Amino acid sequence: MRVRVVSVLGLTAVTALSVPACSTTSHNPTASPSAPVAPPGARAGSEAPLPSAALEPLLLDEGDLGSHYTRKNERPARYDDVTVLGCPDLNELGGNAATGGSLTLPHKAKASFTYAGGGSEVSEELYSDSADKLSDSIGRAFDAMTGCPEYQVLTGSTAIDITTQKAAAPRLGDEQWSQVLTFSASGRDSVVKQTAVRTGTILVIVSGSPALVDRHVENALAKVTAAR
């Protein structure tokens, strides 16, 4: 099963990320809220936001990931026929984000990869803005998703049941968020993890197979910070 699901970082949790081949692997993350590593007064970083062109080279590539990864061609996402049921906050936020397919921030870059013949996928998104704007945008998106433990997304004629759960975020950067989503359609489940880390005026979001997200989020942040 490969269900194409819209995201609220796009609309739910995987913008333009096809849910990987059907998996019933159980996942029981520790549900705990994210917490900033730096004190609140440190959020307003002094560095200027980077334009999209400057974010592109900071994305992970095949050389960073390894020989088993193949980059996917990015296609414009369409969210005209998406409806969220059972989560008013998410539906409102999704409506604002749907046409852009991601967070409504002006400076961004994205790359998606398949692993080992297409069985699993991982994507990375980078955003740059003031620390306060990044924190507010990603915080509202995660709060909306995790605030509705169960809801349904209708995309075209496909109904997808979604459950969300906060996960323990890695202690990286200035602030961090993490969640696990289970997508159920046609009696089958697929699990997607999404971890976001803010460092100064850059937000790093890694989504996809839980094992791949855990493996590469620190590398994604390291590539960003090494270039600053």
C-alpha atoms as a PDB file:
ATOM      1  CA  MET A   1       0.000   0.000   0.000  1.00  0.00           C
ATOM      2  CA  ARG A   2       1.294   3.446  -0.907  1.00  0.00           C
ATOM      3  CA  VAL A   3      -1.111   6.111   0.288  1.00  0.00           C
ATOM      4  CA  ARG A   4      -0.372   9.667  -0.744  1.00  0.00           C
ATOM      5  CA  VAL A   5      -1.191  11.805   2.289  1.00  0.00           C
ATOM      6  CA  VAL A   6      -1.212  15.573   2.552  1.00  0.00           C
ATOM      7  CA  SER A   7       0.641  17.149   5.469  1.00  0.00           C
ATOM      8  CA  VAL A   8       0.112  20.076   7.776  1.00  0.00           C
ATOM      9  CA  LEU A   9       3.680  20.674   7.365  1.00  0.00           C
ATOM     10  CA  GLY A  10       1.856  20.320   4.383  1.00  0.00           C
ATOM     11  CA  LEU A  11      -1.382  19.177   6.167  1.00  0.00           C
ATOM     12  CA  THR A  12      -0.771  16.161   8.323  1.00  0.00           C
ATOM     13  CA  ALA A  13       2.680  14.700   8.672  1.00  0.00           C
ATOM     14  CA  VAL A  14       4.142  13.829   5.352  1.00  0.00           C
ATOM     15  CA  THR A  15       4.044  16.543   2.753  1.00  0.00           C
ATOM     16  CA  ALA A  16       4.350  14.939  -0.678  1.00  0.00           C
ATOM     17  CA  LEU A  17       5.694  11.895   1.128  1.00  0.00           C
ATOM     18  CA  SER A  18       4.023   8.666   0.079  1.00  0.00           C
ATOM     19  CA  VAL A  19       3.459   6.508   3.121  1.00  0.00           C
ATOM     20  CA  PRO A  20       5.963   3.640   2.781  1.00  0.00           C
ATOM     21  CA  ALA A  21       5.000   0.138   1.777  1.00  0.00           C
ATOM     22  CA  CYS A  22       2.528  -1.354   4.242  1.00  0.00           C
ATOM     23  CA  SER A  23       3.983  -1.943   7.654  1.00  0.00           C
ATOM     24  CA  THR A  24       2.429  -3.176  10.873  1.00  0.00           C
ATOM     25  CA  THR A  25       5.544  -2.559  12.926  1.00  0.00           C
ATOM     26  CA  SER A  26       4.560  -1.429  16.399  1.00  0.00           C
ATOM     27  CA  HIS A  27       6.018   1.754  17.813  1.00  0.00           C
ATOM     28  CA  ASN A  28       5.602   2.911  21.387  1.00  0.00           C
ATOM     29  CA  PRO A  29       7.407   6.231  21.835  1.00  0.00           C
ATOM     30  CA  THR A  30       7.630   7.961  25.179  1.00  0.00           C
ATOM     31  CA  ALA A  31       5.033  10.685  25.076  1.00  0.00           C
ATOM     32  CA  SER A  32       6.675  13.787  26.405  1.00  0.00           C
ATOM     33  CA  PRO A  33       6.417  17.454  25.441  1.00  0.00           C
ATOM     34  CA  SER A  34       9.282  19.145  23.688  1.00  0.00           C
ATOM     35  CA  ALA A  35      11.391  21.451  25.762  1.00  0.00           C
ATOM     36  CA  PRO A  36      13.805  24.153  24.666  1.00  0.00           C
ATOM     37  CA  VAL A  37      17.433  23.480  25.496  1.00  0.00           C
ATOM     38  CA  ALA A  38      18.212  27.185  25.576  1.00  0.00           C
ATOM     39  CA  PRO A  39      16.423  29.581  27.937  1.00  0.00           C
ATOM     40  CA  PRO A  40      13.474  31.509  26.436  1.00  0.00           C
ATOM     41  CA  GLY A  41      15.521  34.688  26.156  1.00  0.00           C
ATOM     42  CA  ALA A  42      17.928  32.952  23.795  1.00  0.00           C
ATOM     43  CA  ARG A  43      15.297  32.332  21.121  1.00  0.00           C
ATOM     44  CA  ALA A  44      15.687  35.623  19.302  1.00  0.00           C
ATOM     45  CA  GLY A  45      18.897  34.723  17.491  1.00  0.00           C
ATOM     46  CA  SER A  46      20.954  37.579  16.117  1.00  0.00           C
ATOM     47  CA  GLU A  47      21.799  35.944  12.767  1.00  0.00           C
ATOM     48  CA  ALA A  48      19.774  36.959   9.737  1.00  0.00           C
ATOM     49  CA  PRO A  49      17.420  34.452   8.029  1.00  0.00           C
ATOM     50  CA  LEU A  50      18.826  32.701   4.961  1.00  0.00           C
ATOM     51  CA  PRO A  51      17.146  32.874   1.539  1.00  0.00           C
ATOM     52  CA  SER A  52      15.917  29.677  -0.089  1.00  0.00           C
ATOM     53  CA  ALA A  53      18.898  29.544  -2.445  1.00  0.00           C
ATOM     54  CA  ALA A  54      21.249  29.476   0.538  1.00  0.00           C
ATOM     55  CA  LEU A  55      19.252  26.689   2.203  1.00  0.00           C
ATOM     56  CA  GLU A  56      19.471  24.325  -0.786  1.00  0.00           C
ATOM     57  CA  PRO A  57      23.170  23.396  -0.288  1.00  0.00           C
ATOM     58  CA  LEU A  58      22.475  22.683   3.396  1.00  0.00           C
ATOM     59  CA  LEU A  59      20.116  19.817   2.603  1.00  0.00           C
ATOM     60  CA  LEU A  60      21.340  16.254   2.981  1.00  0.00           C
ATOM     61  CA  ASP A  61      22.277  14.571  -0.289  1.00  0.00           C
ATOM     62  CA  GLU A  62      23.124  11.034  -1.404  1.00  0.00           C
ATOM     63  CA  GLY A  63      26.730  11.556  -0.369  1.00  0.00           C
ATOM     64  CA  ASP A  64      25.633  12.328   3.179  1.00  0.00           C
ATOM     65  CA  LEU A  65      23.088   9.503   3.369  1.00  0.00           C
ATOM     66  CA  GLY A  66      24.927   6.648   1.675  1.00  0.00           C
ATOM     67  CA  SER A  67      24.761   4.512  -1.453  1.00  0.00           C
ATOM     68  CA  HIS A  68      21.349   2.979  -0.688  1.00  0.00           C
ATOM     69  CA  TYR A  69      19.494   6.286  -1.096  1.00  0.00           C
ATOM     70  CA  THR A  70      18.054   7.788  -4.277  1.00  0.00           C
ATOM     71  CA  ARG A  71      16.740  11.340  -4.431  1.00  0.00           C
ATOM     72  CA  LYS A  72      13.170  11.752  -5.644  1.00  0.00           C
ATOM     73  CA  ASN A  73      12.013  14.398  -8.065  1.00  0.00           C
ATOM     74  CA  GLU A  74       9.929  16.978  -6.233  1.00  0.00           C
ATOM     75  CA  ARG A  75       6.480  17.497  -7.704  1.00  0.00           C
ATOM     76  CA  PRO A  76       4.109  20.357  -6.947  1.00  0.00           C
ATOM     77  CA  ALA A  77       1.554  19.174  -4.402  1.00  0.00           C
ATOM     78  CA  ARG A  78      -2.182  19.718  -4.814  1.00  0.00           C
ATOM     79  CA  TYR A  79      -4.409  19.867  -1.762  1.00  0.00           C
ATOM     80  CA  ASP A  80      -7.693  21.050  -3.282  1.00  0.00           C
ATOM     81  CA  ASP A  81      -9.635  17.895  -2.399  1.00  0.00           C
ATOM     82  CA  VAL A  82      -8.445  17.371   1.177  1.00  0.00           C
ATOM     83  CA  THR A  83     -10.805  17.452   4.162  1.00  0.00           C
ATOM     84  CA  VAL A  84      -9.872  16.888   7.803  1.00  0.00           C
ATOM     85  CA  LEU A  85     -12.600  15.360  10.003  1.00  0.00           C
ATOM     86  CA  GLY A  86     -12.561  15.267  13.791  1.00  0.00           C
ATOM     87  CA  CYS A  87      -9.920  17.938  14.373  1.00  0.00           C
ATOM     88  CA  PRO A  88     -11.111  21.550  13.849  1.00  0.00           C
ATOM     89  CA  ASP A  89      -7.757  23.126  14.797  1.00  0.00           C
ATOM     90  CA  LEU A  90      -5.928  20.950  12.298  1.00  0.00           C
ATOM     91  CA  ASN A  91      -8.475  21.616   9.566  1.00  0.00           C
ATOM     92  CA  GLU A  92      -8.077  25.366  10.051  1.00  0.00           C
ATOM     93  CA  LEU A  93      -4.310  25.205  10.032  1.00  0.00           C
ATOM     94  CA  GLY A  94      -4.302  22.855   7.058  1.00  0.00           C
ATOM     95  CA  GLY A  95      -6.484  25.168   5.045  1.00  0.00           C
ATOM     96  CA  ASN A  96      -3.939  27.941   5.448  1.00  0.00           C
ATOM     97  CA  ALA A  97      -1.024  25.702   4.521  1.00  0.00           C
ATOM     98  CA  ALA A  98      -2.564  23.564   1.804  1.00  0.00           C
ATOM     99  CA  THR A  99      -1.792  25.682  -1.250  1.00  0.00           C
ATOM    100  CA  GLY A 100       1.884  25.957  -0.349  1.00  0.00           C
ATOM    101  CA  GLY A 101       2.222  22.333   0.674  1.00  0.00           C
ATOM    102  CA  SER A 102       4.330  23.210   3.698  1.00  0.00           C
ATOM    103  CA  LEU A 103       4.734  25.738   6.476  1.00  0.00           C
ATOM    104  CA  THR A 104       3.773  29.201   5.279  1.00  0.00           C
ATOM    105  CA  LEU A 105       7.262  30.623   5.570  1.00  0.00           C
ATOM    106  CA  PRO A 106       9.020  32.360   2.659  1.00  0.00           C
ATOM    107  CA  HIS A 107      12.496  30.798   2.880  1.00  0.00           C
ATOM    108  CA  LYS A 108      12.523  27.018   2.454  1.00  0.00           C
ATOM    109  CA  ALA A 109      14.127  24.043   0.726  1.00  0.00           C
ATOM    110  CA  LYS A 110      13.246  20.346   0.564  1.00  0.00           C
ATOM    111  CA  ALA A 111      14.669  17.000  -0.521  1.00  0.00           C
ATOM    112  CA  SER A 112      13.106  13.521  -0.434  1.00  0.00           C
ATOM    113  CA  PHE A 113      14.810  10.150  -0.764  1.00  0.00           C
ATOM    114  CA  THR A 114      13.876   6.511  -1.216  1.00  0.00           C
ATOM    115  CA  TYR A 115      15.902   3.847   0.568  1.00  0.00           C
ATOM    116  CA  ALA A 116      16.810   0.346  -0.584  1.00  0.00           C
ATOM    117  CA  GLY A 117      14.679   0.133  -3.681  1.00  0.00           C
ATOM    118  CA  GLY A 118      11.775   2.264  -2.489  1.00  0.00           C
ATOM    119  CA  GLY A 119      10.705   0.282   0.554  1.00  0.00           C
ATOM    120  CA  SER A 120      11.161   3.252   2.879  1.00  0.00           C
ATOM    121  CA  GLU A 121      11.396   6.999   2.450  1.00  0.00           C
ATOM    122  CA  VAL A 122      12.812   9.991   4.278  1.00  0.00           C
ATOM    123  CA  SER A 123      12.463  13.691   3.535  1.00  0.00           C
ATOM    124  CA  GLU A 124      14.119  16.815   4.874  1.00  0.00           C
ATOM    125  CA  GLU A 125      12.717  20.342   4.936  1.00  0.00           C
ATOM    126  CA  LEU A 126      14.655  23.467   5.882  1.00  0.00           C
ATOM    127  CA  TYR A 127      13.089  26.806   6.779  1.00  0.00           C
ATOM    128  CA  SER A 128      14.687  30.084   7.753  1.00  0.00           C
ATOM    129  CA  ASP A 129      13.102  33.052   9.492  1.00  0.00           C
ATOM    130  CA  SER A 130      13.361  34.789  12.830  1.00  0.00           C
ATOM    131  CA  ALA A 131      13.634  32.414  15.784  1.00  0.00           C
ATOM    132  CA  ASP A 132      10.257  33.536  17.098  1.00  0.00           C
ATOM    133  CA  LYS A 133       8.465  32.968  13.775  1.00  0.00           C
ATOM    134  CA  LEU A 134       9.981  29.521  13.331  1.00  0.00           C
ATOM    135  CA  SER A 135       9.118  28.500  16.868  1.00  0.00           C
ATOM    136  CA  ASP A 136       5.547  29.774  16.564  1.00  0.00           C
ATOM    137  CA  SER A 137       4.896  28.155  13.165  1.00  0.00           C
ATOM    138  CA  ILE A 138       6.189  24.700  14.000  1.00  0.00           C
ATOM    139  CA  GLY A 139       4.784  24.806  17.527  1.00  0.00           C
ATOM    140  CA  ARG A 140       1.251  25.567  16.304  1.00  0.00           C
ATOM    141  CA  ALA A 141       1.456  22.805  13.687  1.00  0.00           C
ATOM    142  CA  PHE A 142       2.642  20.171  16.149  1.00  0.00           C
ATOM    143  CA  ASP A 143       0.157  21.299  18.811  1.00  0.00           C
ATOM    144  CA  ALA A 144      -2.698  20.990  16.301  1.00  0.00           C
ATOM    145  CA  MET A 145      -1.678  17.500  15.237  1.00  0.00           C
ATOM    146  CA  THR A 146      -0.882  16.036  18.644  1.00  0.00           C
ATOM    147  CA  GLY A 147      -3.898  17.808  20.150  1.00  0.00           C
ATOM    148  CA  CYS A 148      -6.123  15.438  18.150  1.00  0.00           C
ATOM    149  CA  PRO A 149      -5.038  11.882  18.983  1.00  0.00           C
ATOM    150  CA  GLU A 150      -7.415  10.473  16.357  1.00  0.00           C
ATOM    151  CA  TYR A 151      -8.872  12.063  13.229  1.00  0.00           C
ATOM    152  CA  GLN A 152      -9.582  11.293   9.597  1.00  0.00           C
ATOM    153  CA  VAL A 153      -8.352  12.802   6.340  1.00  0.00           C
ATOM    154  CA  LEU A 154     -10.366  12.529   3.149  1.00  0.00           C
ATOM    155  CA  THR A 155      -8.297  13.038   0.029  1.00  0.00           C
ATOM    156  CA  GLY A 156     -10.285  12.474  -3.124  1.00  0.00           C
ATOM    157  CA  SER A 157     -12.167   9.211  -2.595  1.00  0.00           C
ATOM    158  CA  THR A 158      -9.642   7.862  -0.071  1.00  0.00           C
ATOM    159  CA  ALA A 159     -10.396   7.944   3.664  1.00  0.00           C
ATOM    160  CA  ILE A 160      -7.356   7.684   5.931  1.00  0.00           C
ATOM    161  CA  ASP A 161      -7.621   7.250   9.692  1.00  0.00           C
ATOM    162  CA  ILE A 162      -4.729   8.908  11.534  1.00  0.00           C
ATOM    163  CA  THR A 163      -3.543   8.649  15.107  1.00  0.00           C
ATOM    164  CA  THR A 164      -0.848  10.942  16.484  1.00  0.00           C
ATOM    165  CA  GLN A 165       1.382  10.675  19.522  1.00  0.00           C
ATOM    166  CA  LYS A 166       4.092  12.917  20.887  1.00  0.00           C
ATOM    167  CA  ALA A 167       7.510  11.288  20.941  1.00  0.00           C
ATOM    168  CA  ALA A 168      10.627  12.048  22.947  1.00  0.00           C
ATOM    169  CA  ALA A 169      12.521  14.621  20.896  1.00  0.00           C
ATOM    170  CA  PRO A 170      16.316  14.434  20.614  1.00  0.00           C
ATOM    171  CA  ARG A 171      18.140  17.015  22.711  1.00  0.00           C
ATOM    172  CA  LEU A 172      19.491  18.952  19.773  1.00  0.00           C
ATOM    173  CA  GLY A 173      19.547  22.610  18.791  1.00  0.00           C
ATOM    174  CA  ASP A 174      17.638  25.333  20.635  1.00  0.00           C
ATOM    175  CA  GLU A 175      14.184  23.733  20.463  1.00  0.00           C
ATOM    176  CA  GLN A 176      12.914  20.373  19.325  1.00  0.00           C
ATOM    177  CA  TRP A 177       9.647  18.568  18.579  1.00  0.00           C
ATOM    178  CA  SER A 178       8.836  14.985  17.592  1.00  0.00           C
ATOM    179  CA  GLN A 179       5.746  12.918  16.884  1.00  0.00           C
ATOM    180  CA  VAL A 180       4.721   9.572  15.425  1.00  0.00           C
ATOM    181  CA  LEU A 181       1.696   9.169  13.170  1.00  0.00           C
ATOM    182  CA  THR A 182      -0.040   5.966  12.185  1.00  0.00           C
ATOM    183  CA  PHE A 183      -1.962   6.024   8.903  1.00  0.00           C
ATOM    184  CA  SER A 184      -4.673   3.376   8.467  1.00  0.00           C
ATOM    185  CA  ALA A 185      -6.375   2.695   5.150  1.00  0.00           C
ATOM    186  CA  SER A 186      -7.945  -0.442   3.700  1.00  0.00           C
ATOM    187  CA  GLY A 187      -7.182  -2.341   6.890  1.00  0.00           C
ATOM    188  CA  ARG A 188      -3.448  -1.644   6.746  1.00  0.00           C
ATOM    189  CA  ASP A 189      -1.222   0.585   8.842  1.00  0.00           C
ATOM    190  CA  SER A 190       1.857   2.648   8.030  1.00  0.00           C
ATOM    191  CA  VAL A 191       3.947   4.518  10.580  1.00  0.00           C
ATOM    192  CA  VAL A 192       5.639   7.861   9.924  1.00  0.00           C
ATOM    193  CA  LYS A 193       7.832   9.818  12.306  1.00  0.00           C
ATOM    194  CA  GLN A 194       8.490  13.534  12.135  1.00  0.00           C
ATOM    195  CA  THR A 195      11.181  15.351  14.102  1.00  0.00           C
ATOM    196  CA  ALA A 196      11.832  19.088  13.973  1.00  0.00           C
ATOM    197  CA  VAL A 197      14.799  20.965  15.435  1.00  0.00           C
ATOM    198  CA  ARG A 198      15.309  24.718  15.510  1.00  0.00           C
ATOM    199  CA  THR A 199      18.822  26.094  15.648  1.00  0.00           C
ATOM    200  CA  GLY A 200      18.904  29.876  15.600  1.00  0.00           C
ATOM    201  CA  THR A 201      17.094  31.078  12.497  1.00  0.00           C
ATOM    202  CA  ILE A 202      16.959  27.682  10.766  1.00  0.00           C
ATOM    203  CA  LEU A 203      14.346  24.965  11.271  1.00  0.00           C
ATOM    204  CA  VAL A 204      15.191  21.387  10.267  1.00  0.00           C
ATOM    205  CA  ILE A 205      12.334  18.900   9.767  1.00  0.00           C
ATOM    206  CA  VAL A 206      13.003  15.228   8.990  1.00  0.00           C
ATOM    207  CA  SER A 207      10.023  12.976   8.170  1.00  0.00           C
ATOM    208  CA  GLY A 208       9.541   9.387   7.092  1.00  0.00           C
ATOM    209  CA  SER A 209      10.339   5.889   8.281  1.00  0.00           C
ATOM    210  CA  PRO A 210      10.976   6.118  12.073  1.00  0.00           C
ATOM    211  CA  ALA A 211      14.311   4.311  11.840  1.00  0.00           C
ATOM    212  CA  LEU A 212      15.547   6.580   9.027  1.00  0.00           C
ATOM    213  CA  VAL A 213      14.425   9.732  10.826  1.00  0.00           C
ATOM    214  CA  ASP A 214      16.262   8.709  13.990  1.00  0.00           C
ATOM    215  CA  ARG A 215      19.345   7.842  11.954  1.00  0.00           C
ATOM    216  CA  HIS A 216      19.620  11.084  10.008  1.00  0.00           C
ATOM    217  CA  VAL A 217      18.166  13.971  12.036  1.00  0.00           C
ATOM    218  CA  GLU A 218      21.448  14.630  13.844  1.00  0.00           C
ATOM    219  CA  ASN A 219      23.363  14.536  10.556  1.00  0.00           C
ATOM    220  CA  ALA A 220      20.897  16.987   9.026  1.00  0.00           C
ATOM    221  CA  LEU A 221      21.387  19.417  11.898  1.00  0.00           C
ATOM    222  CA  ALA A 222      25.166  18.978  11.804  1.00  0.00           C
ATOM    223  CA  LYS A 223      25.303  19.910   8.117  1.00  0.00           C
ATOM    224  CA  VAL A 224      23.326  23.067   8.812  1.00  0.00           C
ATOM    225  CA  THR A 225      25.372  24.177  11.791  1.00  0.00           C
ATOM    226  CA  ALA A 226      28.718  23.389  10.138  1.00  0.00           C
ATOM    227  CA  ALA A 227      27.956  25.890   7.393  1.00  0.00           C
ATOM    228  CA  ARG A 228      27.062  28.746   9.742  1.00  0.00           C
END
